[in-house]
């Protein structure tokens, strides 16, 4: 997904931030703004990868299917 590539490019510009984000491995991030929606899951490198699901508000670690 091209949008994730842009976010990952920005993350790679700051290795300290990338290292912090690596601690969120498996957590899904959803951004919704002005008709734009992005779902991404942080991987062990601190970068975003495609996630078919939106972030789940009742569980910080997994998609429950209810949210």
Protein backbone atom coordinates (compact mmCIF):
# COMPACT_ATOMS: atom_id res chain seq x y z
CA UNK A 1 0.00 0.00 0.00
CA UNK A 2 1.61 3.29 -1.09
CA UNK A 3 0.34 5.26 1.92
CA UNK A 4 2.03 2.86 4.35
CA UNK A 5 5.25 3.30 2.37
CA UNK A 6 5.11 7.04 2.95
CA UNK A 7 4.59 6.58 6.70
CA UNK A 8 7.41 4.01 6.84
CA UNK A 9 9.72 6.39 4.99
CA UNK A 10 9.05 9.04 7.63
CA UNK A 11 9.55 6.52 10.47
CA UNK A 12 12.89 5.41 8.99
CA UNK A 13 14.13 9.02 9.11
CA UNK A 14 14.24 8.81 12.93
CA UNK A 15 15.86 5.57 14.19
CA UNK A 16 15.08 6.41 17.83
CA UNK A 17 11.36 6.68 17.10
CA UNK A 18 11.50 3.52 15.00
CA UNK A 19 13.04 1.66 17.96
CA UNK A 20 10.26 2.86 20.25
CA UNK A 21 7.58 1.85 17.74
CA UNK A 22 9.14 -1.64 17.53
CA UNK A 23 7.91 -2.08 21.10
CA UNK A 24 4.36 -1.89 19.76
CA UNK A 25 4.85 -5.02 17.62
CA UNK A 26 1.43 -6.42 16.64
CA UNK A 27 -0.57 -3.35 17.65
CA UNK A 28 -2.92 -2.03 14.98
CA UNK A 29 -3.08 1.69 14.26
CA UNK A 30 -6.11 3.25 12.58
CA UNK A 31 -6.07 6.83 11.31
CA UNK A 32 -9.31 8.43 10.14
CA UNK A 33 -9.25 12.03 8.97
CA UNK A 34 -11.22 13.95 6.35
CA UNK A 35 -12.46 10.85 4.53
CA UNK A 36 -9.04 9.20 4.67
CA UNK A 37 -8.69 5.87 6.51
CA UNK A 38 -5.49 3.95 7.13
CA UNK A 39 -5.06 0.63 8.96
CA UNK A 40 -1.57 -0.57 9.76
CA UNK A 41 0.02 -3.00 12.19
CA UNK A 42 3.42 -2.26 13.73
CA UNK A 43 5.98 -4.99 13.08
CA UNK A 44 9.10 -5.95 15.07
CA UNK A 45 11.14 -3.39 13.11
CA UNK A 46 8.87 -0.51 14.16
CA UNK A 47 7.38 -0.12 10.68
CA UNK A 48 3.76 -0.35 9.56
CA UNK A 49 2.48 -3.27 7.52
CA UNK A 50 -0.96 -3.79 5.99
CA UNK A 51 -3.78 -4.75 8.35
CA UNK A 52 -7.20 -5.70 6.98
CA UNK A 53 -8.83 -4.75 10.30
CA UNK A 54 -9.25 -1.45 12.06
CA UNK A 55 -7.82 -0.94 15.52
CA UNK A 56 -9.91 -2.65 18.17
CA UNK A 57 -10.92 -0.31 20.98
CA UNK A 58 -11.64 -3.00 23.59
CA UNK A 59 -8.34 -4.89 23.23
CA UNK A 60 -4.88 -3.42 22.68
CA UNK A 61 -3.37 -6.69 21.47
CA UNK A 62 -5.80 -8.40 19.08
CA UNK A 63 -8.77 -7.88 16.81
CA UNK A 64 -11.88 -9.10 18.65
CA UNK A 65 -14.33 -8.85 15.76
CA UNK A 66 -16.78 -6.81 17.87
CA UNK A 67 -15.36 -3.32 17.33
